[in-house]
Amino acid sequence: MEVLFTPWRYSYLTSPKSGTPGGCIFCLAVTSNNPSETHTLFRNGQALVMLNRYPYTNGHLMVAPVAHEARLFESSAASLRTLIRLTAEAQRILSDVYHPDGFNVGMNFGEVAGAGVADHYHMHIVPRWSGDSNFMTVTARTRLVPEELDVTFEKLQPHFAGVGKDIFELDE
């Protein structure tokens, strides 16, 4: 049997899981003064966009409310509007930069539903390409992500810097 060492996953496996806002990756991104350290591409008063540190594919993003909330129904209308507008804008930016053939967009609520951060809900935006599943995922339960996170951050960050407040204005 082949052994594939993945030392970059060790910090994830042994890190404290979010049970308190201080340990929550989204709350840390909200309060951080270093967006590149938290891989936060965009943040305003209602929501943020950040890279998934353990992506399914290149460009795997997460959009989360600023407020530490576990369920959609706990959010304000303004937060929900911002969340869906940022999800749409993130999908547009990923389309422009990576040209994927499709997307998986979704949310998991609670650990039993697959939420890695169960007490701070978030939307996943995963670009997909024809043929992006390969034997490694099926036979070795391992994903191959060819681009490093810092490279992905550098590619996407300028596009999110151009996101203006006009995308959040309601159509009348």
C-alpha atoms as a PDB file:
ATOM      1  CA  MET A   1       0.000   0.000   0.000  1.00  0.00           C
ATOM      2  CA  GLU A   2       1.234   3.501  -0.851  1.00  0.00           C
ATOM      3  CA  VAL A   3       1.403   6.050   1.958  1.00  0.00           C
ATOM      4  CA  LEU A   4       0.821   9.672   1.087  1.00  0.00           C
ATOM      5  CA  PHE A   5       1.917  12.024   3.849  1.00  0.00           C
ATOM      6  CA  THR A   6      -0.150  15.200   4.205  1.00  0.00           C
ATOM      7  CA  PRO A   7       1.534  17.214   6.974  1.00  0.00           C
ATOM      8  CA  TRP A   8      -0.394  20.385   6.068  1.00  0.00           C
ATOM      9  CA  ARG A   9      -3.569  18.714   7.418  1.00  0.00           C
ATOM     10  CA  TYR A  10      -2.118  18.064  10.876  1.00  0.00           C
ATOM     11  CA  SER A  11      -2.759  21.589  12.134  1.00  0.00           C
ATOM     12  CA  TYR A  12      -6.404  21.272  11.087  1.00  0.00           C
ATOM     13  CA  LEU A  13      -6.853  17.883  12.731  1.00  0.00           C
ATOM     14  CA  THR A  14      -5.319  18.983  16.022  1.00  0.00           C
ATOM     15  CA  SER A  15      -6.658  22.550  16.166  1.00  0.00           C
ATOM     16  CA  PRO A  16      -9.366  23.455  18.676  1.00  0.00           C
ATOM     17  CA  LYS A  17     -12.782  23.226  17.119  1.00  0.00           C
ATOM     18  CA  SER A  18     -14.968  26.285  17.354  1.00  0.00           C
ATOM     19  CA  GLY A  19     -17.060  26.136  20.475  1.00  0.00           C
ATOM     20  CA  THR A  20     -16.497  29.734  21.432  1.00  0.00           C
ATOM     21  CA  PRO A  21     -16.326  32.877  19.315  1.00  0.00           C
ATOM     22  CA  GLY A  22     -12.612  33.240  20.185  1.00  0.00           C
ATOM     23  CA  GLY A  23     -11.842  29.948  18.436  1.00  0.00           C
ATOM     24  CA  CYS A  24     -14.124  30.541  15.472  1.00  0.00           C
ATOM     25  CA  ILE A  25     -12.249  30.992  12.174  1.00  0.00           C
ATOM     26  CA  PHE A  26     -14.879  33.447  10.923  1.00  0.00           C
ATOM     27  CA  CYS A  27     -14.816  35.567  14.085  1.00  0.00           C
ATOM     28  CA  LEU A  28     -11.011  35.598  13.920  1.00  0.00           C
ATOM     29  CA  ALA A  29     -11.254  36.800  10.304  1.00  0.00           C
ATOM     30  CA  VAL A  30     -13.677  39.549  11.391  1.00  0.00           C
ATOM     31  CA  THR A  31     -11.283  40.892  14.029  1.00  0.00           C
ATOM     32  CA  SER A  32      -7.973  40.290  12.249  1.00  0.00           C
ATOM     33  CA  ASN A  33      -5.931  43.217  10.979  1.00  0.00           C
ATOM     34  CA  ASN A  34      -4.087  40.898   8.589  1.00  0.00           C
ATOM     35  CA  PRO A  35      -6.434  39.654   5.847  1.00  0.00           C
ATOM     36  CA  SER A  36      -3.716  37.637   4.109  1.00  0.00           C
ATOM     37  CA  GLU A  37      -3.079  35.662   7.321  1.00  0.00           C
ATOM     38  CA  THR A  38      -6.752  34.644   7.569  1.00  0.00           C
ATOM     39  CA  HIS A  39      -7.136  34.475   3.767  1.00  0.00           C
ATOM     40  CA  THR A  40      -9.969  37.009   3.995  1.00  0.00           C
ATOM     41  CA  LEU A  41     -10.675  38.446   0.569  1.00  0.00           C
ATOM     42  CA  PHE A  42     -13.488  40.827   1.524  1.00  0.00           C
ATOM     43  CA  ARG A  43     -15.128  42.079   4.700  1.00  0.00           C
ATOM     44  CA  ASN A  44     -17.743  44.706   5.436  1.00  0.00           C
ATOM     45  CA  GLY A  45     -20.073  45.326   8.385  1.00  0.00           C
ATOM     46  CA  GLN A  46     -22.365  42.406   7.533  1.00  0.00           C
ATOM     47  CA  ALA A  47     -20.350  39.590   5.935  1.00  0.00           C
ATOM     48  CA  LEU A  48     -16.974  38.365   4.740  1.00  0.00           C
ATOM     49  CA  VAL A  49     -15.460  36.190   2.023  1.00  0.00           C
ATOM     50  CA  MET A  50     -12.493  33.970   2.761  1.00  0.00           C
ATOM     51  CA  LEU A  51     -10.617  31.061   1.234  1.00  0.00           C
ATOM     52  CA  ASN A  52     -11.254  27.607   2.617  1.00  0.00           C
ATOM     53  CA  ARG A  53      -7.954  26.549   4.190  1.00  0.00           C
ATOM     54  CA  TYR A  54      -8.699  22.908   3.233  1.00  0.00           C
ATOM     55  CA  PRO A  55     -10.287  23.331  -0.212  1.00  0.00           C
ATOM     56  CA  TYR A  56     -12.027  20.788  -2.413  1.00  0.00           C
ATOM     57  CA  THR A  57     -10.727  22.672  -5.465  1.00  0.00           C
ATOM     58  CA  ASN A  58      -8.774  25.835  -6.231  1.00  0.00           C
ATOM     59  CA  GLY A  59     -10.866  28.891  -5.450  1.00  0.00           C
ATOM     60  CA  HIS A  60     -13.037  27.173  -2.804  1.00  0.00           C
ATOM     61  CA  LEU A  61     -14.507  30.176  -0.978  1.00  0.00           C
ATOM     62  CA  MET A  62     -16.688  30.652   2.073  1.00  0.00           C
ATOM     63  CA  VAL A  63     -19.072  33.544   2.676  1.00  0.00           C
ATOM     64  CA  ALA A  64     -20.126  34.091   6.293  1.00  0.00           C
ATOM     65  CA  PRO A  65     -22.011  36.702   8.264  1.00  0.00           C
ATOM     66  CA  VAL A  66     -19.974  38.896  10.590  1.00  0.00           C
ATOM     67  CA  ALA A  67     -22.340  38.006  13.445  1.00  0.00           C
ATOM     68  CA  HIS A  68     -21.555  34.689  15.161  1.00  0.00           C
ATOM     69  CA  GLU A  69     -24.790  32.829  14.335  1.00  0.00           C
ATOM     70  CA  ALA A  70     -25.513  29.150  13.771  1.00  0.00           C
ATOM     71  CA  ARG A  71     -28.721  29.383  11.708  1.00  0.00           C
ATOM     72  CA  LEU A  72     -30.060  31.524   8.884  1.00  0.00           C
ATOM     73  CA  PHE A  73     -33.170  32.486  10.848  1.00  0.00           C
ATOM     74  CA  GLU A  74     -30.958  34.141  13.476  1.00  0.00           C
ATOM     75  CA  SER A  75     -29.661  36.664  10.927  1.00  0.00           C
ATOM     76  CA  SER A  76     -30.990  40.102  10.140  1.00  0.00           C
ATOM     77  CA  ALA A  77     -32.470  40.822   6.737  1.00  0.00           C
ATOM     78  CA  ALA A  78     -29.481  43.062   5.944  1.00  0.00           C
ATOM     79  CA  SER A  79     -27.052  40.267   6.785  1.00  0.00           C
ATOM     80  CA  LEU A  80     -28.940  37.779   4.620  1.00  0.00           C
ATOM     81  CA  ARG A  81     -29.065  40.204   1.669  1.00  0.00           C
ATOM     82  CA  THR A  82     -25.334  40.834   1.977  1.00  0.00           C
ATOM     83  CA  LEU A  83     -24.609  37.109   2.231  1.00  0.00           C
ATOM     84  CA  ILE A  84     -26.420  36.250  -1.004  1.00  0.00           C
ATOM     85  CA  ARG A  85     -25.055  39.311  -2.858  1.00  0.00           C
ATOM     86  CA  LEU A  86     -21.497  38.388  -1.822  1.00  0.00           C
ATOM     87  CA  THR A  87     -22.101  34.783  -2.850  1.00  0.00           C
ATOM     88  CA  ALA A  88     -23.204  35.978  -6.297  1.00  0.00           C
ATOM     89  CA  GLU A  89     -20.240  38.364  -6.579  1.00  0.00           C
ATOM     90  CA  ALA A  90     -17.804  35.650  -5.482  1.00  0.00           C
ATOM     91  CA  GLN A  91     -19.221  33.306  -8.110  1.00  0.00           C
ATOM     92  CA  ARG A  92     -18.780  36.026 -10.772  1.00  0.00           C
ATOM     93  CA  ILE A  93     -15.180  36.680  -9.709  1.00  0.00           C
ATOM     94  CA  LEU A  94     -14.343  32.971  -9.688  1.00  0.00           C
ATOM     95  CA  SER A  95     -15.890  32.684 -13.166  1.00  0.00           C
ATOM     96  CA  ASP A  96     -13.741  35.556 -14.434  1.00  0.00           C
ATOM     97  CA  VAL A  97     -10.493  34.327 -12.851  1.00  0.00           C
ATOM     98  CA  TYR A  98     -10.724  30.519 -13.052  1.00  0.00           C
ATOM     99  CA  HIS A  99     -13.295  29.849 -15.815  1.00  0.00           C
ATOM    100  CA  PRO A 100     -14.843  26.779 -14.154  1.00  0.00           C
ATOM    101  CA  ASP A 101     -17.409  24.631 -15.932  1.00  0.00           C
ATOM    102  CA  GLY A 102     -19.787  24.788 -12.958  1.00  0.00           C
ATOM    103  CA  PHE A 103     -20.152  25.389  -9.225  1.00  0.00           C
ATOM    104  CA  ASN A 104     -21.294  23.694  -6.063  1.00  0.00           C
ATOM    105  CA  VAL A 105     -22.842  26.288  -3.752  1.00  0.00           C
ATOM    106  CA  GLY A 106     -24.273  25.258  -0.421  1.00  0.00           C
ATOM    107  CA  MET A 107     -24.452  25.249   3.357  1.00  0.00           C
ATOM    108  CA  ASN A 108     -24.307  22.654   6.117  1.00  0.00           C
ATOM    109  CA  PHE A 109     -26.000  23.368   9.455  1.00  0.00           C
ATOM    110  CA  GLY A 110     -24.817  21.386  12.461  1.00  0.00           C
ATOM    111  CA  GLU A 111     -22.087  18.784  12.804  1.00  0.00           C
ATOM    112  CA  VAL A 112     -24.368  15.916  11.794  1.00  0.00           C
ATOM    113  CA  ALA A 113     -25.030  17.735   8.509  1.00  0.00           C
ATOM    114  CA  GLY A 114     -21.304  18.060   7.806  1.00  0.00           C
ATOM    115  CA  ALA A 115     -20.625  21.560   9.129  1.00  0.00           C
ATOM    116  CA  GLY A 116     -16.960  21.863  10.072  1.00  0.00           C
ATOM    117  CA  VAL A 117     -17.775  25.082  11.945  1.00  0.00           C
ATOM    118  CA  ALA A 118     -21.210  24.336  13.317  1.00  0.00           C
ATOM    119  CA  ASP A 119     -21.806  27.471  15.387  1.00  0.00           C
ATOM    120  CA  HIS A 120     -21.083  30.076  12.676  1.00  0.00           C
ATOM    121  CA  TYR A 121     -22.938  29.324   9.464  1.00  0.00           C
ATOM    122  CA  HIS A 122     -21.338  29.949   6.105  1.00  0.00           C
ATOM    123  CA  MET A 123     -21.878  29.400   2.391  1.00  0.00           C
ATOM    124  CA  HIS A 124     -19.419  27.303   0.382  1.00  0.00           C
ATOM    125  CA  ILE A 125     -18.690  28.255  -3.222  1.00  0.00           C
ATOM    126  CA  VAL A 126     -16.737  25.495  -4.966  1.00  0.00           C
ATOM    127  CA  PRO A 127     -15.694  25.930  -8.609  1.00  0.00           C
ATOM    128  CA  ARG A 128     -15.840  22.686 -10.599  1.00  0.00           C
ATOM    129  CA  TRP A 129     -14.326  21.595 -13.896  1.00  0.00           C
ATOM    130  CA  SER A 130     -15.202  18.719 -16.182  1.00  0.00           C
ATOM    131  CA  GLY A 131     -13.010  15.823 -15.147  1.00  0.00           C
ATOM    132  CA  ASP A 132     -11.875  17.384 -11.845  1.00  0.00           C
ATOM    133  CA  SER A 133     -12.614  14.164  -9.948  1.00  0.00           C
ATOM    134  CA  ASN A 134      -9.724  11.809 -10.183  1.00  0.00           C
ATOM    135  CA  PHE A 135      -8.588   8.467  -8.884  1.00  0.00           C
ATOM    136  CA  MET A 136      -6.898   9.992  -5.829  1.00  0.00           C
ATOM    137  CA  THR A 137     -10.225  11.103  -4.348  1.00  0.00           C
ATOM    138  CA  VAL A 138     -11.894   7.776  -5.071  1.00  0.00           C
ATOM    139  CA  THR A 139      -9.121   5.345  -4.179  1.00  0.00           C
ATOM    140  CA  ALA A 140      -6.981   7.217  -1.669  1.00  0.00           C
ATOM    141  CA  ARG A 141      -9.515   9.586  -0.109  1.00  0.00           C
ATOM    142  CA  THR A 142      -7.083  12.377  -0.962  1.00  0.00           C
ATOM    143  CA  ARG A 143      -7.645  15.565  -2.925  1.00  0.00           C
ATOM    144  CA  LEU A 144      -5.120  17.098  -5.255  1.00  0.00           C
ATOM    145  CA  VAL A 145      -5.289  20.889  -5.262  1.00  0.00           C
ATOM    146  CA  PRO A 146      -2.575  22.138  -7.610  1.00  0.00           C
ATOM    147  CA  GLU A 147      -2.427  25.773  -6.501  1.00  0.00           C
ATOM    148  CA  GLU A 148      -1.205  26.919  -3.081  1.00  0.00           C
ATOM    149  CA  LEU A 149      -3.607  29.011  -0.978  1.00  0.00           C
ATOM    150  CA  ASP A 150      -1.353  32.063  -0.964  1.00  0.00           C
ATOM    151  CA  VAL A 151      -1.257  32.001  -4.775  1.00  0.00           C
ATOM    152  CA  THR A 152      -5.063  31.721  -4.902  1.00  0.00           C
ATOM    153  CA  PHE A 153      -5.327  34.615  -2.434  1.00  0.00           C
ATOM    154  CA  GLU A 154      -3.032  36.796  -4.547  1.00  0.00           C
ATOM    155  CA  LYS A 155      -5.061  35.995  -7.686  1.00  0.00           C
ATOM    156  CA  LEU A 156      -8.450  36.736  -6.161  1.00  0.00           C
ATOM    157  CA  GLN A 157      -7.741  39.557  -3.700  1.00  0.00           C
ATOM    158  CA  PRO A 158      -7.498  42.373  -6.294  1.00  0.00           C
ATOM    159  CA  HIS A 159     -10.902  41.385  -7.680  1.00  0.00           C
ATOM    160  CA  PHE A 160     -12.535  41.581  -4.256  1.00  0.00           C
ATOM    161  CA  ALA A 161     -10.835  44.912  -3.580  1.00  0.00           C
ATOM    162  CA  GLY A 162     -13.003  46.258  -6.396  1.00  0.00           C
ATOM    163  CA  VAL A 163     -16.278  45.113  -4.830  1.00  0.00           C
ATOM    164  CA  GLY A 164     -18.197  48.303  -4.148  1.00  0.00           C
ATOM    165  CA  LYS A 165     -21.065  49.048  -1.849  1.00  0.00           C
ATOM    166  CA  ASP A 166     -23.272  49.529  -4.919  1.00  0.00           C
ATOM    167  CA  ILE A 167     -23.729  45.752  -5.206  1.00  0.00           C
ATOM    168  CA  PHE A 168     -25.492  45.804  -1.840  1.00  0.00           C
ATOM    169  CA  GLU A 169     -28.063  48.447  -2.741  1.00  0.00           C
ATOM    170  CA  LEU A 170     -31.545  47.045  -3.132  1.00  0.00           C
ATOM    171  CA  ASP A 171     -33.258  47.257  -6.479  1.00  0.00           C
ATOM    172  CA  GLU A 172     -36.377  49.341  -6.047  1.00  0.00           C
END
